[in-house]
Amino acid sequence: MNDKIDFGTIGIKIGDTIIFEPAQVEYKVGSGAGVPGNGGTLIQWESGVLRSIKSATRVLMGKDFNEESDLFSLWTFEDHTLRELHEKNQRSKIKRI
């Protein structure tokens, strides 16, 4: 899972809601315009603070967090994992879902 992935390659933008599935907790996307080249991986955390999706996953999972796991498979947007959306966009070159 070493390919470049961010909210731009996934096709989501600032204000979209993503869900951390293991805890069923929603967060708003805090970076990106939803197109490749304009992504980032920041989410709006508590009190409006921005936090990377990796850092947020680490906090949410606590001791169960594994640096080698595919964190993009743990988050969803409109019932699809972020990994699925990224791969779909890579295959079809869709810039915005």
PDB file of N, CA and C in Angstrom:
ATOM      1  N   MET A   1       0.819  -1.191   0.000  1.00  0.00           N
ATOM      2  CA  MET A   1       0.000   0.000   0.000  1.00  0.00           C
ATOM      3  C   MET A   1       0.865   1.257   0.000  1.00  0.00           C
ATOM      4  N   ASN A   2       1.888   1.282  -0.826  1.00  0.00           N
ATOM      5  CA  ASN A   2       2.805   2.410  -0.844  1.00  0.00           C
ATOM      6  C   ASN A   2       2.472   3.443  -1.907  1.00  0.00           C
ATOM      7  N   ASP A   3       1.372   3.267  -2.650  1.00  0.00           N
ATOM      8  CA  ASP A   3       1.033   4.229  -3.678  1.00  0.00           C
ATOM      9  C   ASP A   3       0.598   5.546  -3.048  1.00  0.00           C
ATOM     10  N   LYS A   4       0.761   6.630  -3.792  1.00  0.00           N
ATOM     11  CA  LYS A   4       0.394   7.967  -3.330  1.00  0.00           C
ATOM     12  C   LYS A   4      -1.120   8.052  -3.244  1.00  0.00           C
ATOM     13  N   ILE A   5      -1.605   8.310  -2.057  1.00  0.00           N
ATOM     14  CA  ILE A   5      -3.042   8.428  -1.862  1.00  0.00           C
ATOM     15  C   ILE A   5      -3.312   9.621  -0.958  1.00  0.00           C
ATOM     16  N   ASP A   6      -4.258  10.441  -1.373  1.00  0.00           N
ATOM     17  CA  ASP A   6      -4.704  11.557  -0.551  1.00  0.00           C
ATOM     18  C   ASP A   6      -6.152  11.845  -0.932  1.00  0.00           C
ATOM     19  N   PHE A   7      -6.735  12.843  -0.315  1.00  0.00           N
ATOM     20  CA  PHE A   7      -8.142  13.103  -0.582  1.00  0.00           C
ATOM     21  C   PHE A   7      -8.394  13.512  -2.030  1.00  0.00           C
ATOM     22  N   GLY A   8      -7.393  14.080  -2.687  1.00  0.00           N
ATOM     23  CA  GLY A   8      -7.537  14.421  -4.104  1.00  0.00           C
ATOM     24  C   GLY A   8      -7.644  13.192  -4.983  1.00  0.00           C
ATOM     25  N   THR A   9      -6.829  12.162  -4.726  1.00  0.00           N
ATOM     26  CA  THR A   9      -6.898  10.941  -5.537  1.00  0.00           C
ATOM     27  C   THR A   9      -8.119  10.105  -5.171  1.00  0.00           C
ATOM     28  N   ILE A  10      -8.684  10.359  -3.991  1.00  0.00           N
ATOM     29  CA  ILE A  10      -9.907   9.663  -3.585  1.00  0.00           C
ATOM     30  C   ILE A  10     -11.125  10.354  -4.192  1.00  0.00           C
ATOM     31  N   GLY A  11     -11.031  11.676  -4.368  1.00  0.00           N
ATOM     32  CA  GLY A  11     -12.133  12.437  -4.948  1.00  0.00           C
ATOM     33  C   GLY A  11     -13.044  13.088  -3.920  1.00  0.00           C
ATOM     34  N   ILE A  12     -12.520  13.330  -2.714  1.00  0.00           N
ATOM     35  CA  ILE A  12     -13.330  14.012  -1.697  1.00  0.00           C
ATOM     36  C   ILE A  12     -12.690  15.358  -1.384  1.00  0.00           C
ATOM     37  N   LYS A  13     -13.497  16.269  -0.837  1.00  0.00           N
ATOM     38  CA  LYS A  13     -13.030  17.639  -0.641  1.00  0.00           C
ATOM     39  C   LYS A  13     -13.407  18.171   0.738  1.00  0.00           C
ATOM     40  N   ILE A  14     -12.892  19.335   1.059  1.00  0.00           N
ATOM     41  CA  ILE A  14     -13.186  19.999   2.326  1.00  0.00           C
ATOM     42  C   ILE A  14     -14.692  20.033   2.552  1.00  0.00           C
ATOM     43  N   GLY A  15     -15.093  19.624   3.735  1.00  0.00           N
ATOM     44  CA  GLY A  15     -16.507  19.635   4.102  1.00  0.00           C
ATOM     45  C   GLY A  15     -17.214  18.306   3.919  1.00  0.00           C
ATOM     46  N   ASP A  16     -16.658  17.413   3.099  1.00  0.00           N
ATOM     47  CA  ASP A  16     -17.255  16.079   2.961  1.00  0.00           C
ATOM     48  C   ASP A  16     -17.123  15.339   4.289  1.00  0.00           C
ATOM     49  N   THR A  17     -18.066  14.453   4.562  1.00  0.00           N
ATOM     50  CA  THR A  17     -18.049  13.681   5.805  1.00  0.00           C
ATOM     51  C   THR A  17     -17.534  12.285   5.539  1.00  0.00           C
ATOM     52  N   ILE A  18     -16.519  11.890   6.317  1.00  0.00           N
ATOM     53  CA  ILE A  18     -16.001  10.524   6.253  1.00  0.00           C
ATOM     54  C   ILE A  18     -16.240   9.866   7.608  1.00  0.00           C
ATOM     55  N   ILE A  19     -16.303   8.535   7.593  1.00  0.00           N
ATOM     56  CA  ILE A  19     -16.616   7.787   8.808  1.00  0.00           C
ATOM     57  C   ILE A  19     -15.472   6.833   9.135  1.00  0.00           C
ATOM     58  N   PHE A  20     -15.050   6.870  10.404  1.00  0.00           N
ATOM     59  CA  PHE A  20     -14.097   5.881  10.900  1.00  0.00           C
ATOM     60  C   PHE A  20     -14.928   4.676  11.304  1.00  0.00           C
ATOM     61  N   GLU A  21     -14.942   3.659  10.458  1.00  0.00           N
ATOM     62  CA  GLU A  21     -15.862   2.528  10.602  1.00  0.00           C
ATOM     63  C   GLU A  21     -15.746   1.746  11.917  1.00  0.00           C
ATOM     64  N   PRO A  22     -14.540   1.463  12.421  1.00  0.00           N
ATOM     65  CA  PRO A  22     -14.484   0.673  13.654  1.00  0.00           C
ATOM     66  C   PRO A  22     -15.247   1.300  14.824  1.00  0.00           C
ATOM     67  N   ALA A  23     -15.355   2.627  14.848  1.00  0.00           N
ATOM     68  CA  ALA A  23     -16.050   3.306  15.952  1.00  0.00           C
ATOM     69  C   ALA A  23     -17.337   3.994  15.497  1.00  0.00           C
ATOM     70  N   GLN A  24     -17.618   3.960  14.190  1.00  0.00           N
ATOM     71  CA  GLN A  24     -18.778   4.648  13.617  1.00  0.00           C
ATOM     72  C   GLN A  24     -18.814   6.121  14.027  1.00  0.00           C
ATOM     73  N   VAL A  25     -17.663   6.796  13.868  1.00  0.00           N
ATOM     74  CA  VAL A  25     -17.532   8.208  14.209  1.00  0.00           C
ATOM     75  C   VAL A  25     -17.306   8.993  12.925  1.00  0.00           C
ATOM     76  N   GLU A  26     -18.021  10.115  12.795  1.00  0.00           N
ATOM     77  CA  GLU A  26     -17.923  10.949  11.604  1.00  0.00           C
ATOM     78  C   GLU A  26     -16.980  12.126  11.819  1.00  0.00           C
ATOM     79  N   TYR A  27     -16.252  12.455  10.756  1.00  0.00           N
ATOM     80  CA  TYR A  27     -15.377  13.629  10.745  1.00  0.00           C
ATOM     81  C   TYR A  27     -15.525  14.318   9.402  1.00  0.00           C
ATOM     82  N   LYS A  28     -15.289  15.615   9.381  1.00  0.00           N
ATOM     83  CA  LYS A  28     -15.297  16.387   8.142  1.00  0.00           C
ATOM     84  C   LYS A  28     -13.888  16.430   7.568  1.00  0.00           C
ATOM     85  N   VAL A  29     -13.812  16.338   6.248  1.00  0.00           N
ATOM     86  CA  VAL A  29     -12.541  16.478   5.554  1.00  0.00           C
ATOM     87  C   VAL A  29     -12.075  17.922   5.722  1.00  0.00           C
ATOM     88  N   GLY A  30     -10.794  18.093   6.020  1.00  0.00           N
ATOM     89  CA  GLY A  30     -10.261  19.425   6.285  1.00  0.00           C
ATOM     90  C   GLY A  30      -9.263  19.927   5.267  1.00  0.00           C
ATOM     91  N   SER A  31      -9.019  19.172   4.193  1.00  0.00           N
ATOM     92  CA  SER A  31      -8.081  19.626   3.169  1.00  0.00           C
ATOM     93  C   SER A  31      -8.465  19.055   1.819  1.00  0.00           C
ATOM     94  N   GLY A  32      -8.141  19.815   0.787  1.00  0.00           N
ATOM     95  CA  GLY A  32      -8.304  19.333  -0.586  1.00  0.00           C
ATOM     96  C   GLY A  32      -9.537  19.830  -1.294  1.00  0.00           C
ATOM     97  N   ALA A  33      -9.421  19.849  -2.623  1.00  0.00           N
ATOM     98  CA  ALA A  33     -10.506  20.294  -3.489  1.00  0.00           C
ATOM     99  C   ALA A  33     -11.169  19.131  -4.210  1.00  0.00           C
ATOM    100  N   GLY A  34     -10.764  17.901  -3.889  1.00  0.00           N
ATOM    101  CA  GLY A  34     -11.391  16.731  -4.490  1.00  0.00           C
ATOM    102  C   GLY A  34     -10.847  16.326  -5.838  1.00  0.00           C
ATOM    103  N   VAL A  35      -9.705  16.901  -6.227  1.00  0.00           N
ATOM    104  CA  VAL A  35      -9.088  16.535  -7.503  1.00  0.00           C
ATOM    105  C   VAL A  35      -7.619  16.187  -7.274  1.00  0.00           C
ATOM    106  N   PRO A  36      -7.079  15.260  -8.070  1.00  0.00           N
ATOM    107  CA  PRO A  36      -5.664  14.913  -7.934  1.00  0.00           C
ATOM    108  C   PRO A  36      -4.786  16.161  -8.006  1.00  0.00           C
ATOM    109  N   GLY A  37      -3.804  16.214  -7.140  1.00  0.00           N
ATOM    110  CA  GLY A  37      -2.926  17.372  -7.090  1.00  0.00           C
ATOM    111  C   GLY A  37      -3.381  18.406  -6.072  1.00  0.00           C
ATOM    112  N   ASN A  38      -4.588  18.223  -5.530  1.00  0.00           N
ATOM    113  CA  ASN A  38      -5.109  19.144  -4.520  1.00  0.00           C
ATOM    114  C   ASN A  38      -5.834  18.312  -3.478  1.00  0.00           C
ATOM    115  N   GLY A  39      -5.068  17.616  -2.655  1.00  0.00           N
ATOM    116  CA  GLY A  39      -5.669  16.674  -1.730  1.00  0.00           C
ATOM    117  C   GLY A  39      -5.336  16.887  -0.280  1.00  0.00           C
ATOM    118  N   GLY A  40      -4.213  16.359   0.134  1.00  0.00           N
ATOM    119  CA  GLY A  40      -3.890  16.349   1.550  1.00  0.00           C
ATOM    120  C   GLY A  40      -4.648  15.233   2.245  1.00  0.00           C
ATOM    121  N   THR A  41      -4.432  15.105   3.539  1.00  0.00           N
ATOM    122  CA  THR A  41      -5.110  14.057   4.308  1.00  0.00           C
ATOM    123  C   THR A  41      -5.533  14.583   5.675  1.00  0.00           C
ATOM    124  N   LEU A  42      -5.914  15.842   5.745  1.00  0.00           N
ATOM    125  CA  LEU A  42      -6.313  16.433   7.013  1.00  0.00           C
ATOM    126  C   LEU A  42      -7.814  16.318   7.243  1.00  0.00           C
ATOM    127  N   ILE A  43      -8.174  16.009   8.488  1.00  0.00           N
ATOM    128  CA  ILE A  43      -9.584  15.989   8.877  1.00  0.00           C
ATOM    129  C   ILE A  43      -9.786  17.011   9.997  1.00  0.00           C
ATOM    130  N   GLN A  44     -11.023  17.464  10.133  1.00  0.00           N
ATOM    131  CA  GLN A  44     -11.359  18.400  11.205  1.00  0.00           C
ATOM    132  C   GLN A  44     -11.574  17.600  12.476  1.00  0.00           C
ATOM    133  N   TRP A  45     -10.687  17.785  13.408  1.00  0.00           N
ATOM    134  CA  TRP A  45     -10.684  17.069  14.674  1.00  0.00           C
ATOM    135  C   TRP A  45     -11.462  17.884  15.698  1.00  0.00           C
ATOM    136  N   GLU A  46     -11.319  17.558  16.938  1.00  0.00           N
ATOM    137  CA  GLU A  46     -12.008  18.263  18.009  1.00  0.00           C
ATOM    138  C   GLU A  46     -11.665  19.746  18.009  1.00  0.00           C
ATOM    139  N   SER A  47     -12.658  20.573  18.300  1.00  0.00           N
ATOM    140  CA  SER A  47     -12.498  22.033  18.376  1.00  0.00           C
ATOM    141  C   SER A  47     -11.971  22.648  17.087  1.00  0.00           C
ATOM    142  N   GLY A  48     -12.225  22.001  15.959  1.00  0.00           N
ATOM    143  CA  GLY A  48     -11.824  22.539  14.667  1.00  0.00           C
ATOM    144  C   GLY A  48     -10.357  22.387  14.332  1.00  0.00           C
ATOM    145  N   VAL A  49      -9.596  21.728  15.172  1.00  0.00           N
ATOM    146  CA  VAL A  49      -8.175  21.483  14.912  1.00  0.00           C
ATOM    147  C   VAL A  49      -8.054  20.483  13.764  1.00  0.00           C
ATOM    148  N   LEU A  50      -7.094  20.733  12.869  1.00  0.00           N
ATOM    149  CA  LEU A  50      -6.853  19.797  11.775  1.00  0.00           C
ATOM    150  C   LEU A  50      -5.856  18.740  12.222  1.00  0.00           C
ATOM    151  N   ARG A  51      -6.125  17.498  11.826  1.00  0.00           N
ATOM    152  CA  ARG A  51      -5.247  16.380  12.178  1.00  0.00           C
ATOM    153  C   ARG A  51      -5.167  15.472  10.967  1.00  0.00           C
ATOM    154  N   SER A  52      -3.990  14.897  10.716  1.00  0.00           N
ATOM    155  CA  SER A  52      -3.857  13.985   9.583  1.00  0.00           C
ATOM    156  C   SER A  52      -4.688  12.731   9.847  1.00  0.00           C
ATOM    157  N   ILE A  53      -5.121  12.101   8.772  1.00  0.00           N
ATOM    158  CA  ILE A  53      -5.922  10.894   8.918  1.00  0.00           C
ATOM    159  C   ILE A  53      -5.117   9.788   9.604  1.00  0.00           C
ATOM    160  N   LYS A  54      -3.810   9.754   9.388  1.00  0.00           N
ATOM    161  CA  LYS A  54      -2.973   8.750  10.048  1.00  0.00           C
ATOM    162  C   LYS A  54      -2.912   9.016  11.559  1.00  0.00           C
ATOM    163  N   SER A  55      -2.712  10.259  11.930  1.00  0.00           N
ATOM    164  CA  SER A  55      -2.660  10.616  13.351  1.00  0.00           C
ATOM    165  C   SER A  55      -4.008  10.350  14.019  1.00  0.00           C
ATOM    166  N   ALA A  56      -5.098  10.702  13.342  1.00  0.00           N
ATOM    167  CA  ALA A  56      -6.433  10.456  13.891  1.00  0.00           C
ATOM    168  C   ALA A  56      -6.680   8.966  14.069  1.00  0.00           C
ATOM    169  N   THR A  57      -6.284   8.176  13.082  1.00  0.00           N
ATOM    170  CA  THR A  57      -6.459   6.721  13.176  1.00  0.00           C
ATOM    171  C   THR A  57      -5.652   6.168  14.344  1.00  0.00           C
ATOM    172  N   ARG A  58      -4.441   6.671  14.506  1.00  0.00           N
ATOM    173  CA  ARG A  58      -3.585   6.230  15.615  1.00  0.00           C
ATOM    174  C   ARG A  58      -4.267   6.518  16.959  1.00  0.00           C
ATOM    175  N   VAL A  59      -4.827   7.706  17.127  1.00  0.00           N
ATOM    176  CA  VAL A  59      -5.508   8.070  18.378  1.00  0.00           C
ATOM    177  C   VAL A  59      -6.759   7.217  18.580  1.00  0.00           C
ATOM    178  N   LEU A  60      -7.556   7.068  17.522  1.00  0.00           N
ATOM    179  CA  LEU A  60      -8.817   6.325  17.631  1.00  0.00           C
ATOM    180  C   LEU A  60      -8.600   4.839  17.925  1.00  0.00           C
ATOM    181  N   MET A  61      -7.528   4.275  17.392  1.00  0.00           N
ATOM    182  CA  MET A  61      -7.275   2.844  17.586  1.00  0.00           C
ATOM    183  C   MET A  61      -6.442   2.545  18.829  1.00  0.00           C
ATOM    184  N   GLY A  62      -5.743   3.557  19.337  1.00  0.00           N
ATOM    185  CA  GLY A  62      -4.921   3.345  20.523  1.00  0.00           C
ATOM    186  C   GLY A  62      -3.881   2.269  20.312  1.00  0.00           C
ATOM    187  N   LYS A  63      -3.779   1.353  21.259  1.00  0.00           N
ATOM    188  CA  LYS A  63      -2.744   0.303  21.203  1.00  0.00           C
ATOM    189  C   LYS A  63      -2.961  -0.684  20.064  1.00  0.00           C
ATOM    190  N   ASP A  64      -4.145  -0.692  19.466  1.00  0.00           N
ATOM    191  CA  ASP A  64      -4.426  -1.603  18.351  1.00  0.00           C
ATOM    192  C   ASP A  64      -3.928  -1.070  17.008  1.00  0.00           C
ATOM    193  N   PHE A  65      -3.422   0.169  16.990  1.00  0.00           N
ATOM    194  CA  PHE A  65      -2.944   0.756  15.741  1.00  0.00           C
ATOM    195  C   PHE A  65      -1.701   0.024  15.263  1.00  0.00           C
ATOM    196  N   ASN A  66      -1.674  -0.278  13.953  1.00  0.00           N
ATOM    197  CA  ASN A  66      -0.545  -0.959  13.339  1.00  0.00           C
ATOM    198  C   ASN A  66      -0.042  -0.077  12.195  1.00  0.00           C
ATOM    199  N   GLU A  67       1.207   0.329  12.269  1.00  0.00           N
ATOM    200  CA  GLU A  67       1.801   1.203  11.244  1.00  0.00           C
ATOM    201  C   GLU A  67       1.711   0.604   9.841  1.00  0.00           C
ATOM    202  N   GLU A  68       1.649  -0.716   9.749  1.00  0.00           N
ATOM    203  CA  GLU A  68       1.633  -1.391   8.454  1.00  0.00           C
ATOM    204  C   GLU A  68       0.227  -1.573   7.875  1.00  0.00           C
ATOM    205  N   SER A  69      -0.796  -1.294   8.673  1.00  0.00           N
ATOM    206  CA  SER A  69      -2.158  -1.531   8.183  1.00  0.00           C
ATOM    207  C   SER A  69      -2.580  -0.461   7.180  1.00  0.00           C
ATOM    208  N   ASP A  70      -3.543  -0.793   6.368  1.00  0.00           N
ATOM    209  CA  ASP A  70      -4.070   0.127   5.362  1.00  0.00           C
ATOM    210  C   ASP A  70      -5.151   0.983   6.017  1.00  0.00           C
ATOM    211  N   LEU A  71      -4.764   2.132   6.534  1.00  0.00           N
ATOM    212  CA  LEU A  71      -5.730   2.957   7.249  1.00  0.00           C
ATOM    213  C   LEU A  71      -6.857   3.453   6.348  1.00  0.00           C
ATOM    214  N   PHE A  72      -6.625   3.542   5.044  1.00  0.00           N
ATOM    215  CA  PHE A  72      -7.673   4.006   4.137  1.00  0.00           C
ATOM    216  C   PHE A  72      -8.794   2.980   3.956  1.00  0.00           C
ATOM    217  N   SER A  73      -8.562   1.760   4.418  1.00  0.00           N
ATOM    218  CA  SER A  73      -9.640   0.761   4.379  1.00  0.00           C
ATOM    219  C   SER A  73     -10.516   0.840   5.631  1.00  0.00           C
ATOM    220  N   LEU A  74     -10.110   1.636   6.601  1.00  0.00           N
ATOM    221  CA  LEU A  74     -10.869   1.787   7.849  1.00  0.00           C
ATOM    222  C   LEU A  74     -11.843   2.956   7.808  1.00  0.00           C
ATOM    223  N   TRP A  75     -11.716   3.803   6.819  1.00  0.00           N
ATOM    224  CA  TRP A  75     -12.549   5.001   6.679  1.00  0.00           C
ATOM    225  C   TRP A  75     -13.440   4.867   5.446  1.00  0.00           C
ATOM    226  N   THR A  76     -14.660   5.396   5.527  1.00  0.00           N
ATOM    227  CA  THR A  76     -15.581   5.326   4.390  1.00  0.00           C
ATOM    228  C   THR A  76     -16.138   6.702   4.028  1.00  0.00           C
ATOM    229  N   PHE A  77     -16.577   6.790   2.794  1.00  0.00           N
ATOM    230  CA  PHE A  77     -17.298   7.949   2.275  1.00  0.00           C
ATOM    231  C   PHE A  77     -18.423   7.397   1.406  1.00  0.00           C
ATOM    232  N   GLU A  78     -19.642   7.747   1.759  1.00  0.00           N
ATOM    233  CA  GLU A  78     -20.820   7.266   1.022  1.00  0.00           C
ATOM    234  C   GLU A  78     -20.788   5.749   0.833  1.00  0.00           C
ATOM    235  N   ASP A  79     -20.544   5.027   1.927  1.00  0.00           N
ATOM    236  CA  ASP A  79     -20.588   3.563   1.985  1.00  0.00           C
ATOM    237  C   ASP A  79     -19.479   2.842   1.218  1.00  0.00           C
ATOM    238  N   HIS A  80     -18.439   3.537   0.842  1.00  0.00           N
ATOM    239  CA  HIS A  80     -17.280   2.917   0.181  1.00  0.00           C
ATOM    240  C   HIS A  80     -16.036   3.286   0.963  1.00  0.00           C
ATOM    241  N   THR A  81     -15.108   2.330   1.095  1.00  0.00           N
ATOM    242  CA  THR A  81     -13.869   2.677   1.796  1.00  0.00           C
ATOM    243  C   THR A  81     -13.087   3.679   0.949  1.00  0.00           C
ATOM    244  N   LEU A  82     -12.273   4.467   1.628  1.00  0.00           N
ATOM    245  CA  LEU A  82     -11.445   5.427   0.905  1.00  0.00           C
ATOM    246  C   LEU A  82     -10.485   4.705  -0.034  1.00  0.00           C
ATOM    247  N   ARG A  83     -10.041   3.513   0.347  1.00  0.00           N
ATOM    248  CA  ARG A  83      -9.173   2.707  -0.529  1.00  0.00           C
ATOM    249  C   ARG A  83      -9.925   2.321  -1.803  1.00  0.00           C
ATOM    250  N   GLU A  84     -11.172   1.864  -1.668  1.00  0.00           N
ATOM    251  CA  GLU A  84     -11.973   1.493  -2.847  1.00  0.00           C
ATOM    252  C   GLU A  84     -12.146   2.684  -3.784  1.00  0.00           C
ATOM    253  N   LEU A  85     -12.442   3.842  -3.235  1.00  0.00           N
ATOM    254  CA  LEU A  85     -12.646   5.038  -4.050  1.00  0.00           C
ATOM    255  C   LEU A  85     -11.361   5.433  -4.770  1.00  0.00           C
ATOM    256  N   HIS A  86     -10.248   5.364  -4.065  1.00  0.00           N
ATOM    257  CA  HIS A  86      -8.951   5.677  -4.674  1.00  0.00           C
ATOM    258  C   HIS A  86      -8.675   4.734  -5.851  1.00  0.00           C
ATOM    259  N   GLU A  87      -8.855   3.443  -5.627  1.00  0.00           N
ATOM    260  CA  GLU A  87      -8.583   2.463  -6.683  1.00  0.00           C
ATOM    261  C   GLU A  87      -9.532   2.637  -7.867  1.00  0.00           C
ATOM    262  N   LYS A  88     -10.794   2.903  -7.591  1.00  0.00           N
ATOM    263  CA  LYS A  88     -11.760   3.143  -8.670  1.00  0.00           C
ATOM    264  C   LYS A  88     -11.330   4.350  -9.497  1.00  0.00           C
ATOM    265  N   ASN A  89     -10.928   5.422  -8.830  1.00  0.00           N
ATOM    266  CA  ASN A  89     -10.506   6.623  -9.542  1.00  0.00           C
ATOM    267  C   ASN A  89      -9.226   6.401 -10.327  1.00  0.00           C
ATOM    268  N   GLN A  90      -8.337   5.576  -9.822  1.00  0.00           N
ATOM    269  CA  GLN A  90      -7.107   5.273 -10.547  1.00  0.00           C
ATOM    270  C   GLN A  90      -7.407   4.495 -11.827  1.00  0.00           C
ATOM    271  N   ARG A  91      -8.377   3.589 -11.741  1.00  0.00           N
ATOM    272  CA  ARG A  91      -8.751   2.784 -12.926  1.00  0.00           C
ATOM    273  C   ARG A  91      -9.490   3.624 -13.965  1.00  0.00           C
ATOM    274  N   SER A  92     -10.399   4.460 -13.517  1.00  0.00           N
ATOM    275  CA  SER A  92     -11.270   5.171 -14.450  1.00  0.00           C
ATOM    276  C   SER A  92     -10.880   6.616 -14.677  1.00  0.00           C
ATOM    277  N   LYS A  93      -9.894   7.102 -13.915  1.00  0.00           N
ATOM    278  CA  LYS A  93      -9.422   8.483 -14.024  1.00  0.00           C
ATOM    279  C   LYS A  93     -10.524   9.492 -13.692  1.00  0.00           C
ATOM    280  N   ILE A  94     -11.498   9.090 -12.883  1.00  0.00           N
ATOM    281  CA  ILE A  94     -12.535  10.007 -12.430  1.00  0.00           C
ATOM    282  C   ILE A  94     -11.892  10.963 -11.436  1.00  0.00           C
ATOM    283  N   LYS A  95     -12.178  12.255 -11.582  1.00  0.00           N
ATOM    284  CA  LYS A  95     -11.570  13.235 -10.705  1.00  0.00           C
ATOM    285  C   LYS A  95     -12.468  13.598  -9.524  1.00  0.00           C
ATOM    286  N   ARG A  96     -13.737  13.428  -9.646  1.00  0.00           N
ATOM    287  CA  ARG A  96     -14.657  13.750  -8.543  1.00  0.00           C
ATOM    288  C   ARG A  96     -15.801  12.769  -8.596  1.00  0.00           C
ATOM    289  N   ILE A  97     -16.077  12.100  -7.460  1.00  0.00           N
ATOM    290  CA  ILE A  97     -17.159  11.125  -7.435  1.00  0.00           C
ATOM    291  C   ILE A  97     -18.493  11.807  -7.335  1.00  0.00           C
TER     292      ILE A  97
END
